[in-house]
Amino acid sequence: MHSKRITQSEELEAAFLIRKKVFVEEQGVPLSDEFDEFDTLDGDCEHLLAYYDGQPVGTGRIRALDGVGKLERICILEPYRKLGIGKKIISGLEEIALEKGHQQVKLHGQTQAEGFYKKLGYRTSSAEFMEDGIPHMLMVKNLETSFI
């Protein structure tokens, strides 16, 4: 199991397929809401792809927003959940945040994943809100500069 920064269009397409499977097909997010202007190789967003036995099974992205790194679109194909892949994705995105000089990261976590994020050092900093028909909450984490 490993993760890597996406640098090729084929890798980005693999990430899109994972996101479509998880968010659109599994969770019912409208296709028009899932993909946006940040879904490029040469934009303001860095994308990550996680592999298990050589196959792409998870993804996430990070972009700068309001002076912090915002983690987004974090998902793992259903058969590969509970194997530590989510932790690998988050740590990879946090490394990118530190490389870009961010001392804090935030995310809109689905409420069902709140415990997962708390175990990784995130704290809930909002009331529950709806995003694409799914309950979420804002979660934040201060990064340690010794992380890398």
C-alpha atoms as a PDB file:
ATOM      1  CA  MET A   1       0.000   0.000   0.000  1.00  0.00           C
ATOM      2  CA  HIS A   2       1.304   3.441  -0.934  1.00  0.00           C
ATOM      3  CA  SER A   3       0.152   6.825  -2.154  1.00  0.00           C
ATOM      4  CA  LYS A   4       1.627   9.220  -4.657  1.00  0.00           C
ATOM      5  CA  ARG A   5       1.039  12.679  -5.984  1.00  0.00           C
ATOM      6  CA  ILE A   6      -0.815  12.607  -9.278  1.00  0.00           C
ATOM      7  CA  THR A   7       1.329  13.885 -12.153  1.00  0.00           C
ATOM      8  CA  GLN A   8      -0.148  12.178 -15.221  1.00  0.00           C
ATOM      9  CA  SER A   9      -3.559  12.397 -16.876  1.00  0.00           C
ATOM     10  CA  GLU A  10      -4.038   8.602 -16.569  1.00  0.00           C
ATOM     11  CA  GLU A  11      -3.613   8.864 -12.788  1.00  0.00           C
ATOM     12  CA  LEU A  12      -6.069  11.750 -12.617  1.00  0.00           C
ATOM     13  CA  GLU A  13      -8.597   9.707 -14.622  1.00  0.00           C
ATOM     14  CA  ALA A  14      -8.165   6.821 -12.151  1.00  0.00           C
ATOM     15  CA  ALA A  15      -8.907   9.244  -9.298  1.00  0.00           C
ATOM     16  CA  PHE A  16     -12.012  10.481 -11.138  1.00  0.00           C
ATOM     17  CA  LEU A  17     -13.281   6.911 -11.551  1.00  0.00           C
ATOM     18  CA  ILE A  18     -12.854   6.278  -7.814  1.00  0.00           C
ATOM     19  CA  ARG A  19     -14.651   9.514  -6.928  1.00  0.00           C
ATOM     20  CA  LYS A  20     -17.487   8.739  -9.337  1.00  0.00           C
ATOM     21  CA  LYS A  21     -17.910   5.248  -7.883  1.00  0.00           C
ATOM     22  CA  VAL A  22     -17.889   6.416  -4.245  1.00  0.00           C
ATOM     23  CA  PHE A  23     -19.534   9.827  -4.286  1.00  0.00           C
ATOM     24  CA  VAL A  24     -21.862   9.669  -7.287  1.00  0.00           C
ATOM     25  CA  GLU A  25     -22.876   6.002  -7.490  1.00  0.00           C
ATOM     26  CA  GLU A  26     -22.616   4.975  -3.832  1.00  0.00           C
ATOM     27  CA  GLN A  27     -23.569   8.189  -2.023  1.00  0.00           C
ATOM     28  CA  GLY A  28     -25.813   9.866  -4.599  1.00  0.00           C
ATOM     29  CA  VAL A  29     -23.874  13.097  -5.095  1.00  0.00           C
ATOM     30  CA  PRO A  30     -24.927  14.710  -8.392  1.00  0.00           C
ATOM     31  CA  LEU A  31     -22.260  14.243 -11.075  1.00  0.00           C
ATOM     32  CA  SER A  32     -22.388  17.979 -11.789  1.00  0.00           C
ATOM     33  CA  ASP A  33     -21.402  18.720  -8.162  1.00  0.00           C
ATOM     34  CA  GLU A  34     -18.555  16.204  -7.936  1.00  0.00           C
ATOM     35  CA  PHE A  35     -16.203  17.617 -10.551  1.00  0.00           C
ATOM     36  CA  ASP A  36     -15.084  21.237 -10.735  1.00  0.00           C
ATOM     37  CA  GLU A  37     -12.470  23.670 -12.013  1.00  0.00           C
ATOM     38  CA  PHE A  38      -9.868  22.306  -9.577  1.00  0.00           C
ATOM     39  CA  ASP A  39      -9.825  18.901 -11.276  1.00  0.00           C
ATOM     40  CA  THR A  40      -6.767  19.536 -13.435  1.00  0.00           C
ATOM     41  CA  LEU A  41      -3.099  18.631 -13.328  1.00  0.00           C
ATOM     42  CA  ASP A  42      -1.851  22.187 -13.686  1.00  0.00           C
ATOM     43  CA  GLY A  43      -4.176  24.112 -11.397  1.00  0.00           C
ATOM     44  CA  ASP A  44      -4.223  25.227  -7.780  1.00  0.00           C
ATOM     45  CA  CYS A  45      -4.984  21.728  -6.516  1.00  0.00           C
ATOM     46  CA  GLU A  46      -2.678  18.799  -5.766  1.00  0.00           C
ATOM     47  CA  HIS A  47      -4.231  15.351  -6.183  1.00  0.00           C
ATOM     48  CA  LEU A  48      -3.158  12.110  -4.518  1.00  0.00           C
ATOM     49  CA  LEU A  49      -3.813   8.501  -5.523  1.00  0.00           C
ATOM     50  CA  ALA A  50      -3.578   5.566  -3.104  1.00  0.00           C
ATOM     51  CA  TYR A  51      -2.706   2.074  -4.287  1.00  0.00           C
ATOM     52  CA  TYR A  52      -3.314  -1.361  -2.809  1.00  0.00           C
ATOM     53  CA  ASP A  53      -1.642  -4.353  -4.462  1.00  0.00           C
ATOM     54  CA  GLY A  54      -0.721  -2.085  -7.361  1.00  0.00           C
ATOM     55  CA  GLN A  55      -4.313  -0.991  -8.017  1.00  0.00           C
ATOM     56  CA  PRO A  56      -5.616   2.565  -7.484  1.00  0.00           C
ATOM     57  CA  VAL A  57      -8.210   2.343  -4.698  1.00  0.00           C
ATOM     58  CA  GLY A  58      -8.387   5.765  -3.039  1.00  0.00           C
ATOM     59  CA  THR A  59      -7.868   9.431  -3.684  1.00  0.00           C
ATOM     60  CA  GLY A  60      -7.920  12.912  -2.210  1.00  0.00           C
ATOM     61  CA  ARG A  61      -6.883  16.429  -3.068  1.00  0.00           C
ATOM     62  CA  ILE A  62      -5.676  19.584  -1.350  1.00  0.00           C
ATOM     63  CA  ARG A  63      -5.864  23.244  -2.263  1.00  0.00           C
ATOM     64  CA  ALA A  64      -5.115  26.512  -0.531  1.00  0.00           C
ATOM     65  CA  LEU A  65      -8.187  28.280   0.818  1.00  0.00           C
ATOM     66  CA  ASP A  66      -8.250  31.168   3.273  1.00  0.00           C
ATOM     67  CA  GLY A  67      -4.578  30.674   4.130  1.00  0.00           C
ATOM     68  CA  VAL A  68      -4.873  27.004   5.081  1.00  0.00           C
ATOM     69  CA  GLY A  69      -4.768  23.708   3.222  1.00  0.00           C
ATOM     70  CA  LYS A  70      -8.241  22.370   2.503  1.00  0.00           C
ATOM     71  CA  LEU A  71      -8.431  18.595   2.118  1.00  0.00           C
ATOM     72  CA  GLU A  72     -11.154  17.523  -0.274  1.00  0.00           C
ATOM     73  CA  ARG A  73     -12.654  14.596  -2.190  1.00  0.00           C
ATOM     74  CA  ILE A  74     -11.137  11.973   0.108  1.00  0.00           C
ATOM     75  CA  CYS A  75     -12.560   8.552  -0.678  1.00  0.00           C
ATOM     76  CA  ILE A  76     -11.700   4.865  -0.892  1.00  0.00           C
ATOM     77  CA  LEU A  77     -13.392   2.119  -2.860  1.00  0.00           C
ATOM     78  CA  GLU A  78     -15.645   0.080  -0.556  1.00  0.00           C
ATOM     79  CA  PRO A  79     -13.702  -3.226  -0.560  1.00  0.00           C
ATOM     80  CA  TYR A  80     -10.532  -1.416   0.564  1.00  0.00           C
ATOM     81  CA  ARG A  81     -11.871   0.508   3.537  1.00  0.00           C
ATOM     82  CA  LYS A  82     -10.597  -0.295   7.041  1.00  0.00           C
ATOM     83  CA  LEU A  83      -7.131  -1.199   5.707  1.00  0.00           C
ATOM     84  CA  GLY A  84      -5.316   2.003   6.693  1.00  0.00           C
ATOM     85  CA  ILE A  85      -5.562   3.572   3.245  1.00  0.00           C
ATOM     86  CA  GLY A  86      -7.477   6.615   4.506  1.00  0.00           C
ATOM     87  CA  LYS A  87      -4.738   7.368   7.005  1.00  0.00           C
ATOM     88  CA  LYS A  88      -2.173   7.086   4.186  1.00  0.00           C
ATOM     89  CA  ILE A  89      -4.130   9.554   2.032  1.00  0.00           C
ATOM     90  CA  ILE A  90      -4.518  12.058   4.867  1.00  0.00           C
ATOM     91  CA  SER A  91      -0.836  11.928   5.822  1.00  0.00           C
ATOM     92  CA  GLY A  92       0.155  12.406   2.171  1.00  0.00           C
ATOM     93  CA  LEU A  93      -2.106  15.440   1.857  1.00  0.00           C
ATOM     94  CA  GLU A  94      -0.758  16.848   5.132  1.00  0.00           C
ATOM     95  CA  GLU A  95       2.805  16.482   3.815  1.00  0.00           C
ATOM     96  CA  ILE A  96       1.824  18.489   0.731  1.00  0.00           C
ATOM     97  CA  ALA A  97       0.256  21.132   2.988  1.00  0.00           C
ATOM     98  CA  LEU A  98       3.491  21.510   4.928  1.00  0.00           C
ATOM     99  CA  GLU A  99       5.530  21.677   1.707  1.00  0.00           C
ATOM    100  CA  LYS A 100       3.311  24.575   0.664  1.00  0.00           C
ATOM    101  CA  GLY A 101       3.847  26.330   4.001  1.00  0.00           C
ATOM    102  CA  HIS A 102       0.454  25.607   5.589  1.00  0.00           C
ATOM    103  CA  GLN A 103       0.522  25.158   9.340  1.00  0.00           C
ATOM    104  CA  GLN A 104      -3.155  24.244   9.462  1.00  0.00           C
ATOM    105  CA  VAL A 105      -5.485  22.093   7.382  1.00  0.00           C
ATOM    106  CA  LYS A 106      -9.253  21.833   7.317  1.00  0.00           C
ATOM    107  CA  LEU A 107     -11.843  19.610   5.718  1.00  0.00           C
ATOM    108  CA  HIS A 108     -15.572  19.090   5.456  1.00  0.00           C
ATOM    109  CA  GLY A 109     -15.839  15.620   6.947  1.00  0.00           C
ATOM    110  CA  GLN A 110     -18.929  13.484   6.646  1.00  0.00           C
ATOM    111  CA  THR A 111     -20.343  13.039  10.136  1.00  0.00           C
ATOM    112  CA  GLN A 112     -20.080   9.243   9.804  1.00  0.00           C
ATOM    113  CA  ALA A 113     -16.274   9.711   9.436  1.00  0.00           C
ATOM    114  CA  GLU A 114     -15.838  12.110  12.379  1.00  0.00           C
ATOM    115  CA  GLY A 115     -14.261   9.437  14.597  1.00  0.00           C
ATOM    116  CA  PHE A 116     -11.741   8.548  11.887  1.00  0.00           C
ATOM    117  CA  TYR A 117     -10.604  12.160  11.547  1.00  0.00           C
ATOM    118  CA  LYS A 118     -10.479  12.660  15.325  1.00  0.00           C
ATOM    119  CA  LYS A 119      -8.087   9.700  15.620  1.00  0.00           C
ATOM    120  CA  LEU A 120      -5.821  11.533  13.160  1.00  0.00           C
ATOM    121  CA  GLY A 121      -5.773  14.693  15.281  1.00  0.00           C
ATOM    122  CA  TYR A 122      -8.611  16.691  13.741  1.00  0.00           C
ATOM    123  CA  ARG A 123     -11.058  18.588  15.904  1.00  0.00           C
ATOM    124  CA  THR A 124     -14.641  19.418  15.047  1.00  0.00           C
ATOM    125  CA  SER A 125     -15.123  23.165  14.696  1.00  0.00           C
ATOM    126  CA  SER A 126     -18.681  23.595  13.397  1.00  0.00           C
ATOM    127  CA  ALA A 127     -22.176  22.373  13.855  1.00  0.00           C
ATOM    128  CA  GLU A 128     -23.406  19.752  11.443  1.00  0.00           C
ATOM    129  CA  PHE A 129     -24.347  21.071   7.995  1.00  0.00           C
ATOM    130  CA  MET A 130     -25.601  19.508   4.790  1.00  0.00           C
ATOM    131  CA  GLU A 131     -23.475  19.244   1.664  1.00  0.00           C
ATOM    132  CA  ASP A 132     -24.928  17.426  -1.349  1.00  0.00           C
ATOM    133  CA  GLY A 133     -27.566  15.898   0.901  1.00  0.00           C
ATOM    134  CA  ILE A 134     -24.962  14.385   3.255  1.00  0.00           C
ATOM    135  CA  PRO A 135     -24.359  15.615   6.836  1.00  0.00           C
ATOM    136  CA  HIS A 136     -20.882  17.134   7.271  1.00  0.00           C
ATOM    137  CA  MET A 137     -18.918  19.161   9.783  1.00  0.00           C
ATOM    138  CA  LEU A 138     -15.887  21.401   9.508  1.00  0.00           C
ATOM    139  CA  MET A 139     -12.803  19.803  11.039  1.00  0.00           C
ATOM    140  CA  VAL A 140      -9.382  21.401  11.515  1.00  0.00           C
ATOM    141  CA  LYS A 141      -5.891  20.313  12.488  1.00  0.00           C
ATOM    142  CA  ASN A 142      -2.745  22.228  13.328  1.00  0.00           C
ATOM    143  CA  LEU A 143       0.212  20.557  11.682  1.00  0.00           C
ATOM    144  CA  GLU A 144       3.518  19.892  13.394  1.00  0.00           C
ATOM    145  CA  THR A 145       6.462  21.186  11.411  1.00  0.00           C
ATOM    146  CA  SER A 146       8.396  18.067  12.444  1.00  0.00           C
ATOM    147  CA  PHE A 147       5.822  15.960  10.546  1.00  0.00           C
ATOM    148  CA  ILE A 148       7.994  15.609   7.419  1.00  0.00           C
END
